[in-house]
Amino acid sequence: MTYCSHEDLVRINQDRLESNHRWQVEKKQFADFPVHVKEMWS
């Protein structure tokens, strides 16, 4: 399950490889995503 497009995943992977600030932000958003999905099912 993903919350973004393939193009975004490619960019996110590049951010991960570079360990830049966008990667830190993206990790938090990704961690929040399953929590949000679970809340929608409650």
PDB file of N, CA and C in Angstrom:
ATOM      1  N   MET A   1       0.856  -1.165   0.000  1.00  0.00           N
ATOM      2  CA  MET A   1       0.000   0.000   0.000  1.00  0.00           C
ATOM      3  C   MET A   1       0.907   1.235   0.000  1.00  0.00           C
ATOM      4  N   THR A   2       0.569   2.164  -0.830  1.00  0.00           N
ATOM      5  CA  THR A   2       1.342   3.399  -0.886  1.00  0.00           C
ATOM      6  C   THR A   2       0.409   4.600  -0.912  1.00  0.00           C
ATOM      7  N   TYR A   3       0.957   5.711  -0.625  1.00  0.00           N
ATOM      8  CA  TYR A   3       0.166   6.935  -0.570  1.00  0.00           C
ATOM      9  C   TYR A   3       0.627   7.959  -1.589  1.00  0.00           C
ATOM     10  N   CYS A   4       1.468   7.540  -2.522  1.00  0.00           N
ATOM     11  CA  CYS A   4       1.978   8.487  -3.507  1.00  0.00           C
ATOM     12  C   CYS A   4       2.233   7.774  -4.838  1.00  0.00           C
ATOM     13  N   SER A   5       2.521   8.562  -5.838  1.00  0.00           N
ATOM     14  CA  SER A   5       2.733   8.025  -7.186  1.00  0.00           C
ATOM     15  C   SER A   5       4.110   7.374  -7.326  1.00  0.00           C
ATOM     16  N   HIS A   6       4.286   6.669  -8.416  1.00  0.00           N
ATOM     17  CA  HIS A   6       5.581   6.045  -8.700  1.00  0.00           C
ATOM     18  C   HIS A   6       6.675   7.109  -8.809  1.00  0.00           C
ATOM     19  N   GLU A   7       6.362   8.214  -9.465  1.00  0.00           N
ATOM     20  CA  GLU A   7       7.337   9.290  -9.612  1.00  0.00           C
ATOM     21  C   GLU A   7       7.768   9.827  -8.246  1.00  0.00           C
ATOM     22  N   ASP A   8       6.801   9.968  -7.348  1.00  0.00           N
ATOM     23  CA  ASP A   8       7.132  10.428  -5.998  1.00  0.00           C
ATOM     24  C   ASP A   8       8.003   9.403  -5.278  1.00  0.00           C
ATOM     25  N   LEU A   9       7.713   8.123  -5.471  1.00  0.00           N
ATOM     26  CA  LEU A   9       8.537   7.092  -4.838  1.00  0.00           C
ATOM     27  C   LEU A   9       9.975   7.139  -5.320  1.00  0.00           C
ATOM     28  N   VAL A  10      10.164   7.411  -6.605  1.00  0.00           N
ATOM     29  CA  VAL A  10      11.517   7.539  -7.153  1.00  0.00           C
ATOM     30  C   VAL A  10      12.231   8.721  -6.493  1.00  0.00           C
ATOM     31  N   ARG A  11      11.531   9.857  -6.378  1.00  0.00           N
ATOM     32  CA  ARG A  11      12.120  11.030  -5.730  1.00  0.00           C
ATOM     33  C   ARG A  11      12.423  10.754  -4.263  1.00  0.00           C
ATOM     34  N   ILE A  12      11.499  10.090  -3.581  1.00  0.00           N
ATOM     35  CA  ILE A  12      11.692   9.770  -2.167  1.00  0.00           C
ATOM     36  C   ILE A  12      12.903   8.857  -1.994  1.00  0.00           C
ATOM     37  N   ASN A  13      13.061   7.900  -2.887  1.00  0.00           N
ATOM     38  CA  ASN A  13      14.219   7.025  -2.791  1.00  0.00           C
ATOM     39  C   ASN A  13      15.514   7.812  -2.984  1.00  0.00           C
ATOM     40  N   GLN A  14      15.507   8.761  -3.909  1.00  0.00           N
ATOM     41  CA  GLN A  14      16.698   9.598  -4.098  1.00  0.00           C
ATOM     42  C   GLN A  14      16.973  10.418  -2.839  1.00  0.00           C
ATOM     43  N   ASP A  15      15.930  10.943  -2.226  1.00  0.00           N
ATOM     44  CA  ASP A  15      16.102  11.671  -0.965  1.00  0.00           C
ATOM     45  C   ASP A  15      16.703  10.763   0.100  1.00  0.00           C
ATOM     46  N   ARG A  16      16.244   9.514   0.132  1.00  0.00           N
ATOM     47  CA  ARG A  16      16.781   8.556   1.107  1.00  0.00           C
ATOM     48  C   ARG A  16      18.256   8.312   0.862  1.00  0.00           C
ATOM     49  N   LEU A  17      18.621   8.113  -0.390  1.00  0.00           N
ATOM     50  CA  LEU A  17      20.021   7.863  -0.717  1.00  0.00           C
ATOM     51  C   LEU A  17      20.911   9.045  -0.326  1.00  0.00           C
ATOM     52  N   GLU A  18      20.370  10.251  -0.475  1.00  0.00           N
ATOM     53  CA  GLU A  18      21.122  11.459  -0.130  1.00  0.00           C
ATOM     54  C   GLU A  18      21.021  11.804   1.354  1.00  0.00           C
ATOM     55  N   SER A  19      20.117  11.135   2.061  1.00  0.00           N
ATOM     56  CA  SER A  19      19.877  11.391   3.488  1.00  0.00           C
ATOM     57  C   SER A  19      19.649  12.879   3.756  1.00  0.00           C
ATOM     58  N   ASN A  20      18.853  13.500   2.910  1.00  0.00           N
ATOM     59  CA  ASN A  20      18.622  14.932   3.047  1.00  0.00           C
ATOM     60  C   ASN A  20      17.399  15.233   3.922  1.00  0.00           C
ATOM     61  N   HIS A  21      17.127  16.522   4.095  1.00  0.00           N
ATOM     62  CA  HIS A  21      16.021  16.957   4.964  1.00  0.00           C
ATOM     63  C   HIS A  21      14.671  16.433   4.473  1.00  0.00           C
ATOM     64  N   ARG A  22      14.478  16.420   3.164  1.00  0.00           N
ATOM     65  CA  ARG A  22      13.193  15.928   2.634  1.00  0.00           C
ATOM     66  C   ARG A  22      12.962  14.483   3.051  1.00  0.00           C
ATOM     67  N   TRP A  23      14.016  13.695   3.149  1.00  0.00           N
ATOM     68  CA  TRP A  23      13.889  12.297   3.565  1.00  0.00           C
ATOM     69  C   TRP A  23      13.387  12.229   5.001  1.00  0.00           C
ATOM     70  N   GLN A  24      13.882  13.090   5.867  1.00  0.00           N
ATOM     71  CA  GLN A  24      13.433  13.098   7.256  1.00  0.00           C
ATOM     72  C   GLN A  24      11.938  13.433   7.334  1.00  0.00           C
ATOM     73  N   VAL A  25      11.510  14.403   6.553  1.00  0.00           N
ATOM     74  CA  VAL A  25      10.096  14.795   6.516  1.00  0.00           C
ATOM     75  C   VAL A  25       9.255  13.643   5.962  1.00  0.00           C
ATOM     76  N   GLU A  26       9.736  13.030   4.895  1.00  0.00           N
ATOM     77  CA  GLU A  26       8.988  11.944   4.255  1.00  0.00           C
ATOM     78  C   GLU A  26       8.823  10.747   5.187  1.00  0.00           C
ATOM     79  N   LYS A  27       9.860  10.429   5.944  1.00  0.00           N
ATOM     80  CA  LYS A  27       9.766   9.304   6.894  1.00  0.00           C
ATOM     81  C   LYS A  27       8.647   9.535   7.889  1.00  0.00           C
ATOM     82  N   LYS A  28       8.534  10.760   8.393  1.00  0.00           N
ATOM     83  CA  LYS A  28       7.468  11.056   9.354  1.00  0.00           C
ATOM     84  C   LYS A  28       6.100  10.947   8.698  1.00  0.00           C
ATOM     85  N   GLN A  29       5.967  11.477   7.482  1.00  0.00           N
ATOM     86  CA  GLN A  29       4.687  11.388   6.789  1.00  0.00           C
ATOM     87  C   GLN A  29       4.322   9.930   6.529  1.00  0.00           C
ATOM     88  N   PHE A  30       5.301   9.127   6.158  1.00  0.00           N
ATOM     89  CA  PHE A  30       5.034   7.716   5.903  1.00  0.00           C
ATOM     90  C   PHE A  30       4.599   7.011   7.187  1.00  0.00           C
ATOM     91  N   ALA A  31       5.237   7.337   8.297  1.00  0.00           N
ATOM     92  CA  ALA A  31       4.864   6.719   9.575  1.00  0.00           C
ATOM     93  C   ALA A  31       3.459   7.135   9.993  1.00  0.00           C
ATOM     94  N   ASP A  32       3.072   8.358   9.673  1.00  0.00           N
ATOM     95  CA  ASP A  32       1.733   8.835  10.031  1.00  0.00           C
ATOM     96  C   ASP A  32       0.643   8.222   9.151  1.00  0.00           C
ATOM     97  N   PHE A  33       1.001   7.795   7.945  1.00  0.00           N
ATOM     98  CA  PHE A  33       0.012   7.287   6.995  1.00  0.00           C
ATOM     99  C   PHE A  33      -0.773   6.082   7.524  1.00  0.00           C
ATOM    100  N   PRO A  34      -0.123   5.002   8.005  1.00  0.00           N
ATOM    101  CA  PRO A  34      -0.938   3.866   8.496  1.00  0.00           C
ATOM    102  C   PRO A  34      -1.779   4.226   9.722  1.00  0.00           C
ATOM    103  N   VAL A  35      -1.295   5.154  10.520  1.00  0.00           N
ATOM    104  CA  VAL A  35      -2.094   5.605  11.666  1.00  0.00           C
ATOM    105  C   VAL A  35      -3.374   6.271  11.174  1.00  0.00           C
ATOM    106  N   HIS A  36      -3.235   7.116  10.171  1.00  0.00           N
ATOM    107  CA  HIS A  36      -4.392   7.789   9.594  1.00  0.00           C
ATOM    108  C   HIS A  36      -5.377   6.774   8.993  1.00  0.00           C
ATOM    109  N   VAL A  37      -4.872   5.786   8.269  1.00  0.00           N
ATOM    110  CA  VAL A  37      -5.730   4.769   7.669  1.00  0.00           C
ATOM    111  C   VAL A  37      -6.474   4.009   8.768  1.00  0.00           C
ATOM    112  N   LYS A  38      -5.771   3.634   9.830  1.00  0.00           N
ATOM    113  CA  LYS A  38      -6.410   2.909  10.937  1.00  0.00           C
ATOM    114  C   LYS A  38      -7.507   3.756  11.575  1.00  0.00           C
ATOM    115  N   GLU A  39      -7.244   5.053  11.736  1.00  0.00           N
ATOM    116  CA  GLU A  39      -8.255   5.932  12.335  1.00  0.00           C
ATOM    117  C   GLU A  39      -9.500   6.022  11.479  1.00  0.00           C
ATOM    118  N   MET A  40      -9.331   5.943  10.161  1.00  0.00           N
ATOM    119  CA  MET A  40     -10.490   5.989   9.273  1.00  0.00           C
ATOM    120  C   MET A  40     -11.353   4.746   9.439  1.00  0.00           C
ATOM    121  N   TRP A  41     -10.771   3.634   9.850  1.00  0.00           N
ATOM    122  CA  TRP A  41     -11.497   2.377  10.005  1.00  0.00           C
ATOM    123  C   TRP A  41     -12.115   2.216  11.384  1.00  0.00           C
ATOM    124  N   SER A  42     -11.796   3.148  12.285  1.00  0.00           N
ATOM    125  CA  SER A  42     -12.304   3.026  13.671  1.00  0.00           C
ATOM    126  C   SER A  42     -13.709   3.573  13.789  1.00  0.00           C
TER     127      SER A  42
END
